Amino acid sequence: MLLEKATFTVFDFETTGLYPYRGDKICEIGAARVEPAKKEQKKFHSMVNPERPISRGAFLVNGITEDMLIGAPRIQEILPAFMRFIEGSILVAYNAGFDIGFLECSLGSDKDALNDYCVIDALKLARRLFTGIDSYNLASVARALGMRPLREHRAISDVSMTLEIFQKELDILSAHGARTIKDVEKTWPKRVALVKRVKDYKTKLIEEAIRDEKRLNITYISSWRNEITNRTITPKEIQNGYDRSYVIAYCHLRNAERNFRLDGIIDIKPEKSNQK
């Protein structure tokens, strides 16, 4: 399926504990369905009565109390609506194996319904595309990408952060030649697919910008500060060193000339306005 035509549902569960196969249950559901063709986003949210106590460990993580679940539907009552919400979409979650495990247990004998779904793990993609981050928990990756982290470990806020991270992942993969869902899945077995093509793509864009005196928008990971920033640069030249290449450019974020390691540029696009 082409990425531009795919419908994605990003979802997250908060739970009473870590082990669905030992009796832990879902206590909150959050999801966002994105249909690019319609350019719209639908949201799904519900607290869920797990019919069992929330473990102290889970409470310390998500802050959900049993009082917050009074009057909430049981999973059997809300699950049909959730399954209708995700129908026909590609499922996306951060650490997807965790959430899928809880969904399988909740579906019980109907879990085979999940066989029809493609599931993408935004955490696995982050580890391969955003190298050099100290921690890959959701909030840490959000901060590294210049996002303002929301309250972590509540379903809707986690969905919002995951969706924004996933959109950045898709932008990078699309810029590097990914066109289909299969192309996205191919990045999982190794760190960065299409390495040679990526390098050629970046170099070509930079050389064209130097020639035409145009700006580029880049996502850059600094090896000194171990942080990821979005910048607009006007490149001046490419210098090839002994073991790596550098882009000499005017950085409009710092209002000064800077050197950027070519392998530190993880995403690059021409500036739409094409200002000089």
C-alpha atoms as a PDB file:
ATOM      1  CA  MET A   1       0.000   0.000   0.000  1.00  0.00           C
ATOM      2  CA  LEU A   2       1.263   3.482  -0.868  1.00  0.00           C
ATOM      3  CA  LEU A   3       2.052   5.658   2.160  1.00  0.00           C
ATOM      4  CA  GLU A   4       0.163   8.591   0.701  1.00  0.00           C
ATOM      5  CA  LYS A   5      -3.022   6.530   0.538  1.00  0.00           C
ATOM      6  CA  ALA A   6      -2.684   4.699   3.856  1.00  0.00           C
ATOM      7  CA  THR A   7      -4.922   5.334   6.856  1.00  0.00           C
ATOM      8  CA  PHE A   8      -3.049   5.103  10.164  1.00  0.00           C
ATOM      9  CA  THR A   9      -4.448   4.615  13.654  1.00  0.00           C
ATOM     10  CA  VAL A  10      -2.034   5.537  16.434  1.00  0.00           C
ATOM     11  CA  PHE A  11      -3.176   3.989  19.709  1.00  0.00           C
ATOM     12  CA  ASP A  12      -2.104   3.582  23.316  1.00  0.00           C
ATOM     13  CA  PHE A  13      -3.368   1.672  26.344  1.00  0.00           C
ATOM     14  CA  GLU A  14      -2.835   2.442  30.003  1.00  0.00           C
ATOM     15  CA  THR A  15      -3.025  -0.708  32.110  1.00  0.00           C
ATOM     16  CA  THR A  16      -3.227  -2.078  35.644  1.00  0.00           C
ATOM     17  CA  GLY A  17       0.226  -3.637  35.284  1.00  0.00           C
ATOM     18  CA  LEU A  18       2.723  -5.016  32.795  1.00  0.00           C
ATOM     19  CA  TYR A  19       1.565  -8.595  32.236  1.00  0.00           C
ATOM     20  CA  PRO A  20      -1.672  -9.174  30.284  1.00  0.00           C
ATOM     21  CA  TYR A  21      -1.172 -12.940  30.266  1.00  0.00           C
ATOM     22  CA  ARG A  22      -1.077 -12.909  34.068  1.00  0.00           C
ATOM     23  CA  GLY A  23      -4.312 -10.992  34.451  1.00  0.00           C
ATOM     24  CA  ASP A  24      -3.419  -7.301  34.065  1.00  0.00           C
ATOM     25  CA  LYS A  25      -6.060  -5.310  32.185  1.00  0.00           C
ATOM     26  CA  ILE A  26      -6.541  -2.155  30.118  1.00  0.00           C
ATOM     27  CA  CYS A  27      -7.808   0.819  32.128  1.00  0.00           C
ATOM     28  CA  GLU A  28      -7.603   3.578  29.484  1.00  0.00           C
ATOM     29  CA  ILE A  29      -7.750   3.623  25.668  1.00  0.00           C
ATOM     30  CA  GLY A  30      -6.590   6.446  23.423  1.00  0.00           C
ATOM     31  CA  ALA A  31      -6.348   6.524  19.637  1.00  0.00           C
ATOM     32  CA  ALA A  32      -6.094   8.914  16.693  1.00  0.00           C
ATOM     33  CA  ARG A  33      -7.104   7.857  13.182  1.00  0.00           C
ATOM     34  CA  VAL A  34      -5.417   9.797  10.376  1.00  0.00           C
ATOM     35  CA  GLU A  35      -6.761   9.580   6.847  1.00  0.00           C
ATOM     36  CA  PRO A  36      -4.382  11.496   4.543  1.00  0.00           C
ATOM     37  CA  ALA A  37      -6.755  11.344   1.589  1.00  0.00           C
ATOM     38  CA  LYS A  38      -9.419  13.149   3.644  1.00  0.00           C
ATOM     39  CA  LYS A  39      -6.901  15.335   5.512  1.00  0.00           C
ATOM     40  CA  GLU A  40      -8.675  14.760   8.791  1.00  0.00           C
ATOM     41  CA  GLN A  41      -8.016  13.202  12.167  1.00  0.00           C
ATOM     42  CA  LYS A  42     -10.525  11.386  14.370  1.00  0.00           C
ATOM     43  CA  LYS A  43      -9.947  10.619  18.046  1.00  0.00           C
ATOM     44  CA  PHE A  44     -11.109   7.847  20.330  1.00  0.00           C
ATOM     45  CA  HIS A  45     -10.820   7.936  24.112  1.00  0.00           C
ATOM     46  CA  SER A  46     -12.328   6.021  27.000  1.00  0.00           C
ATOM     47  CA  MET A  47     -11.493   5.094  30.537  1.00  0.00           C
ATOM     48  CA  VAL A  48     -12.077   1.372  31.131  1.00  0.00           C
ATOM     49  CA  ASN A  49     -13.202  -0.450  34.248  1.00  0.00           C
ATOM     50  CA  PRO A  50     -10.567  -3.217  34.535  1.00  0.00           C
ATOM     51  CA  GLU A  51     -12.542  -5.081  37.175  1.00  0.00           C
ATOM     52  CA  ARG A  52      -9.377  -5.522  39.205  1.00  0.00           C
ATOM     53  CA  PRO A  53      -7.146  -3.245  41.321  1.00  0.00           C
ATOM     54  CA  ILE A  54      -4.496  -1.048  39.696  1.00  0.00           C
ATOM     55  CA  SER A  55      -1.055  -2.117  40.873  1.00  0.00           C
ATOM     56  CA  ARG A  56       1.022   0.393  42.808  1.00  0.00           C
ATOM     57  CA  GLY A  57       3.660   0.262  40.098  1.00  0.00           C
ATOM     58  CA  ALA A  58       1.121   1.145  37.411  1.00  0.00           C
ATOM     59  CA  PHE A  59      -0.320   3.972  39.534  1.00  0.00           C
ATOM     60  CA  LEU A  60       3.142   5.476  40.017  1.00  0.00           C
ATOM     61  CA  VAL A  61       3.539   5.500  36.219  1.00  0.00           C
ATOM     62  CA  ASN A  62       0.136   6.629  34.944  1.00  0.00           C
ATOM     63  CA  GLY A  63      -1.443   8.227  38.012  1.00  0.00           C
ATOM     64  CA  ILE A  64      -4.795   6.527  37.358  1.00  0.00           C
ATOM     65  CA  THR A  65      -6.805   5.795  40.481  1.00  0.00           C
ATOM     66  CA  GLU A  66      -9.759   3.488  40.960  1.00  0.00           C
ATOM     67  CA  ASP A  67     -11.965   6.539  41.674  1.00  0.00           C
ATOM     68  CA  MET A  68     -11.214   7.774  38.141  1.00  0.00           C
ATOM     69  CA  LEU A  69     -12.717   4.564  36.747  1.00  0.00           C
ATOM     70  CA  ILE A  70     -16.061   4.707  38.540  1.00  0.00           C
ATOM     71  CA  GLY A  71     -18.804   4.452  35.937  1.00  0.00           C
ATOM     72  CA  ALA A  72     -16.380   3.574  33.128  1.00  0.00           C
ATOM     73  CA  PRO A  73     -17.432   0.812  30.704  1.00  0.00           C
ATOM     74  CA  ARG A  74     -15.882  -2.635  30.945  1.00  0.00           C
ATOM     75  CA  ILE A  75     -13.543  -3.680  28.148  1.00  0.00           C
ATOM     76  CA  GLN A  76     -16.207  -5.976  26.643  1.00  0.00           C
ATOM     77  CA  GLU A  77     -18.515  -2.962  26.337  1.00  0.00           C
ATOM     78  CA  ILE A  78     -16.039  -0.569  24.735  1.00  0.00           C
ATOM     79  CA  LEU A  79     -13.944  -2.957  22.627  1.00  0.00           C
ATOM     80  CA  PRO A  80     -16.463  -3.316  19.733  1.00  0.00           C
ATOM     81  CA  ALA A  81     -16.441   0.464  19.246  1.00  0.00           C
ATOM     82  CA  PHE A  82     -12.629   0.523  19.308  1.00  0.00           C
ATOM     83  CA  MET A  83     -12.415  -2.269  16.731  1.00  0.00           C
ATOM     84  CA  ARG A  84     -14.772  -0.355  14.450  1.00  0.00           C
ATOM     85  CA  PHE A  85     -12.615   2.740  14.911  1.00  0.00           C
ATOM     86  CA  ILE A  86      -9.402   0.996  13.785  1.00  0.00           C
ATOM     87  CA  GLU A  87     -11.026  -1.009  10.974  1.00  0.00           C
ATOM     88  CA  GLY A  88      -9.134  -0.896   7.670  1.00  0.00           C
ATOM     89  CA  SER A  89      -6.174   1.072   9.046  1.00  0.00           C
ATOM     90  CA  ILE A  90      -2.478   0.517   9.682  1.00  0.00           C
ATOM     91  CA  LEU A  91      -1.906   0.284  13.451  1.00  0.00           C
ATOM     92  CA  VAL A  92       0.882   2.344  15.018  1.00  0.00           C
ATOM     93  CA  ALA A  93       2.023   2.276  18.644  1.00  0.00           C
ATOM     94  CA  TYR A  94       5.116   3.144  20.660  1.00  0.00           C
ATOM     95  CA  ASN A  95       6.499  -0.192  21.867  1.00  0.00           C
ATOM     96  CA  ALA A  96       3.705  -1.864  19.927  1.00  0.00           C
ATOM     97  CA  GLY A  97       4.289  -5.365  21.320  1.00  0.00           C
ATOM     98  CA  PHE A  98       3.095  -4.214  24.746  1.00  0.00           C
ATOM     99  CA  ASP A  99      -0.193  -2.758  23.486  1.00  0.00           C
ATOM    100  CA  ILE A 100      -0.881  -5.569  21.024  1.00  0.00           C
ATOM    101  CA  GLY A 101      -0.420  -8.104  23.836  1.00  0.00           C
ATOM    102  CA  PHE A 102      -3.140  -6.401  25.872  1.00  0.00           C
ATOM    103  CA  LEU A 103      -5.402  -6.119  22.846  1.00  0.00           C
ATOM    104  CA  GLU A 104      -5.007  -9.829  22.059  1.00  0.00           C
ATOM    105  CA  CYS A 105      -5.880 -10.809  25.625  1.00  0.00           C
ATOM    106  CA  SER A 106      -8.891  -8.499  25.615  1.00  0.00           C
ATOM    107  CA  LEU A 107     -10.163  -9.994  22.351  1.00  0.00           C
ATOM    108  CA  GLY A 108      -9.787 -13.523  23.709  1.00  0.00           C
ATOM    109  CA  SER A 109     -11.034 -16.069  21.182  1.00  0.00           C
ATOM    110  CA  ASP A 110     -11.517 -13.243  18.645  1.00  0.00           C
ATOM    111  CA  LYS A 111      -7.834 -12.267  18.638  1.00  0.00           C
ATOM    112  CA  ASP A 112      -7.371 -13.725  15.142  1.00  0.00           C
ATOM    113  CA  ALA A 113      -9.095 -10.562  13.905  1.00  0.00           C
ATOM    114  CA  LEU A 114      -5.726  -8.845  14.384  1.00  0.00           C
ATOM    115  CA  ASN A 115      -4.149 -11.056  11.718  1.00  0.00           C
ATOM    116  CA  ASP A 116      -5.601  -8.724   9.085  1.00  0.00           C
ATOM    117  CA  TYR A 117      -3.698  -5.718  10.451  1.00  0.00           C
ATOM    118  CA  CYS A 118      -0.243  -4.373   9.734  1.00  0.00           C
ATOM    119  CA  VAL A 119       1.345  -3.069  12.958  1.00  0.00           C
ATOM    120  CA  ILE A 120       4.165  -0.505  12.945  1.00  0.00           C
ATOM    121  CA  ASP A 121       6.283   0.079  16.053  1.00  0.00           C
ATOM    122  CA  ALA A 122       7.240   3.763  16.225  1.00  0.00           C
ATOM    123  CA  LEU A 123       9.819   2.908  18.912  1.00  0.00           C
ATOM    124  CA  LYS A 124      11.697   0.527  16.594  1.00  0.00           C
ATOM    125  CA  LEU A 125      11.718   3.179  13.883  1.00  0.00           C
ATOM    126  CA  ALA A 126      12.992   5.805  16.331  1.00  0.00           C
ATOM    127  CA  ARG A 127      15.919   3.611  17.355  1.00  0.00           C
ATOM    128  CA  ARG A 128      16.935   3.225  13.719  1.00  0.00           C
ATOM    129  CA  LEU A 129      16.302   6.753  12.460  1.00  0.00           C
ATOM    130  CA  PHE A 130      17.226   8.938  15.444  1.00  0.00           C
ATOM    131  CA  THR A 131      20.594   7.551  16.468  1.00  0.00           C
ATOM    132  CA  GLY A 132      22.570   8.970  19.379  1.00  0.00           C
ATOM    133  CA  ILE A 133      19.719   9.636  21.824  1.00  0.00           C
ATOM    134  CA  ASP A 134      20.513   8.587  25.405  1.00  0.00           C
ATOM    135  CA  SER A 135      17.048   7.218  26.099  1.00  0.00           C
ATOM    136  CA  TYR A 136      14.303   6.105  23.735  1.00  0.00           C
ATOM    137  CA  ASN A 137      11.354   6.473  26.054  1.00  0.00           C
ATOM    138  CA  LEU A 138       8.557   8.490  24.491  1.00  0.00           C
ATOM    139  CA  ALA A 139       9.172  11.806  26.254  1.00  0.00           C
ATOM    140  CA  SER A 140      12.948  11.684  25.680  1.00  0.00           C
ATOM    141  CA  VAL A 141      12.536  11.173  21.936  1.00  0.00           C
ATOM    142  CA  ALA A 142       9.915  13.928  21.813  1.00  0.00           C
ATOM    143  CA  ARG A 143      12.319  16.360  23.508  1.00  0.00           C
ATOM    144  CA  ALA A 144      15.206  15.320  21.249  1.00  0.00           C
ATOM    145  CA  LEU A 145      13.040  16.108  18.218  1.00  0.00           C
ATOM    146  CA  GLY A 146      12.220  19.565  19.525  1.00  0.00           C
ATOM    147  CA  MET A 147       8.691  18.705  20.599  1.00  0.00           C
ATOM    148  CA  ARG A 148       7.091  19.881  23.828  1.00  0.00           C
ATOM    149  CA  PRO A 149       6.423  16.650  25.729  1.00  0.00           C
ATOM    150  CA  LEU A 150       2.935  16.268  27.133  1.00  0.00           C
ATOM    151  CA  ARG A 151       2.120  14.378  30.297  1.00  0.00           C
ATOM    152  CA  GLU A 152       3.598  10.942  29.709  1.00  0.00           C
ATOM    153  CA  HIS A 153       1.717   7.687  30.388  1.00  0.00           C
ATOM    154  CA  ARG A 154      -1.806   8.895  29.785  1.00  0.00           C
ATOM    155  CA  ALA A 155      -3.411   7.464  26.682  1.00  0.00           C
ATOM    156  CA  ILE A 156      -4.330  10.572  24.683  1.00  0.00           C
ATOM    157  CA  SER A 157      -1.130  12.506  25.451  1.00  0.00           C
ATOM    158  CA  ASP A 158       0.984   9.462  24.530  1.00  0.00           C
ATOM    159  CA  VAL A 159      -0.983   9.102  21.309  1.00  0.00           C
ATOM    160  CA  SER A 160      -0.374  12.769  20.438  1.00  0.00           C
ATOM    161  CA  MET A 161       3.385  12.459  21.006  1.00  0.00           C
ATOM    162  CA  THR A 162       3.576   9.146  19.148  1.00  0.00           C
ATOM    163  CA  LEU A 163       1.678  10.577  16.190  1.00  0.00           C
ATOM    164  CA  GLU A 164       4.018  13.564  15.915  1.00  0.00           C
ATOM    165  CA  ILE A 165       7.103  11.338  16.167  1.00  0.00           C
ATOM    166  CA  PHE A 166       5.672   8.914  13.610  1.00  0.00           C
ATOM    167  CA  GLN A 167       4.938  11.740  11.174  1.00  0.00           C
ATOM    168  CA  LYS A 168       8.589  12.820  11.424  1.00  0.00           C
ATOM    169  CA  GLU A 169       9.660   9.220  10.844  1.00  0.00           C
ATOM    170  CA  LEU A 170       7.484   9.009   7.738  1.00  0.00           C
ATOM    171  CA  ASP A 171       8.865  12.317   6.445  1.00  0.00           C
ATOM    172  CA  ILE A 172      12.421  11.027   6.770  1.00  0.00           C
ATOM    173  CA  LEU A 173      11.650   7.652   5.215  1.00  0.00           C
ATOM    174  CA  SER A 174       9.733   9.260   2.349  1.00  0.00           C
ATOM    175  CA  ALA A 175      12.611  11.642   1.678  1.00  0.00           C
ATOM    176  CA  HIS A 176      14.914   8.628   1.548  1.00  0.00           C
ATOM    177  CA  GLY A 177      12.853   6.769  -1.008  1.00  0.00           C
ATOM    178  CA  ALA A 178      10.173   4.917   0.991  1.00  0.00           C
ATOM    179  CA  ARG A 179       6.898   4.816  -0.904  1.00  0.00           C
ATOM    180  CA  THR A 180       4.972   1.889   0.579  1.00  0.00           C
ATOM    181  CA  ILE A 181       4.250   0.244   3.933  1.00  0.00           C
ATOM    182  CA  LYS A 182       6.667  -2.543   2.945  1.00  0.00           C
ATOM    183  CA  ASP A 183       9.421   0.059   2.540  1.00  0.00           C
ATOM    184  CA  VAL A 184       8.798   1.211   6.120  1.00  0.00           C
ATOM    185  CA  GLU A 185       8.944  -2.363   7.427  1.00  0.00           C
ATOM    186  CA  LYS A 186      12.295  -2.911   5.694  1.00  0.00           C
ATOM    187  CA  THR A 187      13.991  -0.419   8.038  1.00  0.00           C
ATOM    188  CA  TRP A 188      13.447  -2.725  11.036  1.00  0.00           C
ATOM    189  CA  PRO A 189      16.095  -5.450  10.487  1.00  0.00           C
ATOM    190  CA  LYS A 190      18.973  -2.973  10.229  1.00  0.00           C
ATOM    191  CA  ARG A 191      19.673   0.537  11.371  1.00  0.00           C
ATOM    192  CA  VAL A 192      19.111   2.664   8.293  1.00  0.00           C
ATOM    193  CA  ALA A 193      17.929   1.228   5.011  1.00  0.00           C
ATOM    194  CA  LEU A 194      19.073   2.664   1.702  1.00  0.00           C
ATOM    195  CA  VAL A 195      22.219   4.203   3.248  1.00  0.00           C
ATOM    196  CA  LYS A 196      23.935   4.879  -0.059  1.00  0.00           C
ATOM    197  CA  ARG A 197      20.797   6.330  -1.595  1.00  0.00           C
ATOM    198  CA  VAL A 198      20.294   8.563   1.447  1.00  0.00           C
ATOM    199  CA  LYS A 199      23.831   9.917   1.183  1.00  0.00           C
ATOM    200  CA  ASP A 200      23.472  10.568  -2.538  1.00  0.00           C
ATOM    201  CA  TYR A 201      20.106  12.238  -1.961  1.00  0.00           C
ATOM    202  CA  LYS A 202      21.482  14.594   0.683  1.00  0.00           C
ATOM    203  CA  THR A 203      24.572  15.473  -1.318  1.00  0.00           C
ATOM    204  CA  LYS A 204      22.545  16.180  -4.437  1.00  0.00           C
ATOM    205  CA  LEU A 205      20.178  18.543  -2.608  1.00  0.00           C
ATOM    206  CA  ILE A 206      23.058  20.362  -0.948  1.00  0.00           C
ATOM    207  CA  GLU A 207      24.963  20.765  -4.213  1.00  0.00           C
ATOM    208  CA  GLU A 208      21.833  22.120  -5.917  1.00  0.00           C
ATOM    209  CA  ALA A 209      21.263  24.579  -3.053  1.00  0.00           C
ATOM    210  CA  ILE A 210      24.863  25.794  -3.260  1.00  0.00           C
ATOM    211  CA  ARG A 211      24.562  26.280  -7.009  1.00  0.00           C
ATOM    212  CA  ASP A 212      21.202  28.083  -6.806  1.00  0.00           C
ATOM    213  CA  GLU A 213      21.956  29.930  -3.530  1.00  0.00           C
ATOM    214  CA  LYS A 214      18.858  28.512  -1.896  1.00  0.00           C
ATOM    215  CA  ARG A 215      17.959  27.545   1.641  1.00  0.00           C
ATOM    216  CA  LEU A 216      17.420  24.055   3.010  1.00  0.00           C
ATOM    217  CA  ASN A 217      15.430  22.891   6.019  1.00  0.00           C
ATOM    218  CA  ILE A 218      17.339  20.208   7.913  1.00  0.00           C
ATOM    219  CA  THR A 219      16.849  18.014  10.959  1.00  0.00           C
ATOM    220  CA  TYR A 220      20.280  17.771  12.572  1.00  0.00           C
ATOM    221  CA  ILE A 221      21.676  15.670  15.419  1.00  0.00           C
ATOM    222  CA  SER A 222      24.619  17.271  17.179  1.00  0.00           C
ATOM    223  CA  SER A 223      27.386  14.872  18.217  1.00  0.00           C
ATOM    224  CA  TRP A 224      28.535  17.421  20.812  1.00  0.00           C
ATOM    225  CA  ARG A 225      25.253  18.144  22.579  1.00  0.00           C
ATOM    226  CA  ASN A 226      23.496  14.906  21.670  1.00  0.00           C
ATOM    227  CA  GLU A 227      20.369  16.822  20.679  1.00  0.00           C
ATOM    228  CA  ILE A 228      18.230  17.027  17.570  1.00  0.00           C
ATOM    229  CA  THR A 229      17.222  20.414  16.156  1.00  0.00           C
ATOM    230  CA  ASN A 230      15.343  21.668  13.112  1.00  0.00           C
ATOM    231  CA  ARG A 231      17.265  24.359  11.254  1.00  0.00           C
ATOM    232  CA  THR A 232      17.213  26.424   8.093  1.00  0.00           C
ATOM    233  CA  ILE A 233      20.614  26.724   6.428  1.00  0.00           C
ATOM    234  CA  THR A 234      22.110  28.306   3.331  1.00  0.00           C
ATOM    235  CA  PRO A 235      24.886  25.884   2.317  1.00  0.00           C
ATOM    236  CA  LYS A 236      28.132  27.293   0.900  1.00  0.00           C
ATOM    237  CA  GLU A 237      30.349  24.269   0.287  1.00  0.00           C
ATOM    238  CA  ILE A 238      30.922  20.599   1.089  1.00  0.00           C
ATOM    239  CA  GLN A 239      34.291  19.671   2.599  1.00  0.00           C
ATOM    240  CA  ASN A 240      35.399  16.038   2.480  1.00  0.00           C
ATOM    241  CA  GLY A 241      37.619  15.118   5.432  1.00  0.00           C
ATOM    242  CA  TYR A 242      39.608  11.974   6.146  1.00  0.00           C
ATOM    243  CA  ASP A 243      36.733  10.027   7.697  1.00  0.00           C
ATOM    244  CA  ARG A 244      33.655  12.224   7.213  1.00  0.00           C
ATOM    245  CA  SER A 245      32.224  15.091   5.189  1.00  0.00           C
ATOM    246  CA  TYR A 246      31.047  18.491   6.415  1.00  0.00           C
ATOM    247  CA  VAL A 247      28.641  21.075   5.070  1.00  0.00           C
ATOM    248  CA  ILE A 248      29.751  24.671   5.548  1.00  0.00           C
ATOM    249  CA  ALA A 249      26.586  26.743   5.768  1.00  0.00           C
ATOM    250  CA  TYR A 250      25.001  29.873   7.166  1.00  0.00           C
ATOM    251  CA  CYS A 251      22.712  28.758   9.989  1.00  0.00           C
ATOM    252  CA  HIS A 252      19.629  30.957  10.267  1.00  0.00           C
ATOM    253  CA  LEU A 253      18.879  29.557  13.738  1.00  0.00           C
ATOM    254  CA  ARG A 254      22.237  30.758  15.121  1.00  0.00           C
ATOM    255  CA  ASN A 255      22.655  33.677  12.679  1.00  0.00           C
ATOM    256  CA  ALA A 256      26.200  32.562  12.000  1.00  0.00           C
ATOM    257  CA  GLU A 257      28.256  30.289   9.773  1.00  0.00           C
ATOM    258  CA  ARG A 258      28.432  26.717  11.051  1.00  0.00           C
ATOM    259  CA  ASN A 259      29.925  23.352  10.076  1.00  0.00           C
ATOM    260  CA  PHE A 260      27.479  20.433   9.906  1.00  0.00           C
ATOM    261  CA  ARG A 261      28.525  16.798   9.682  1.00  0.00           C
ATOM    262  CA  LEU A 262      26.870  15.285   6.635  1.00  0.00           C
ATOM    263  CA  ASP A 263      26.088  12.086   8.556  1.00  0.00           C
ATOM    264  CA  GLY A 264      24.443  14.203  11.283  1.00  0.00           C
ATOM    265  CA  ILE A 265      21.793  15.502   8.865  1.00  0.00           C
ATOM    266  CA  ILE A 266      18.975  12.997   9.318  1.00  0.00           C
ATOM    267  CA  ASP A 267      16.417  14.843   7.222  1.00  0.00           C
ATOM    268  CA  ILE A 268      16.728  17.483   4.533  1.00  0.00           C
ATOM    269  CA  LYS A 269      14.229  19.349   2.338  1.00  0.00           C
ATOM    270  CA  PRO A 270      14.291  22.449   0.154  1.00  0.00           C
ATOM    271  CA  GLU A 271      12.686  25.451   1.830  1.00  0.00           C
ATOM    272  CA  LYS A 272       9.315  25.985   0.219  1.00  0.00           C
ATOM    273  CA  SER A 273       9.673  29.746   0.019  1.00  0.00           C
ATOM    274  CA  ASN A 274      13.085  29.369  -1.698  1.00  0.00           C
ATOM    275  CA  GLN A 275      14.291  32.565  -0.091  1.00  0.00           C
ATOM    276  CA  LYS A 276      17.945  33.475  -0.498  1.00  0.00           C
END
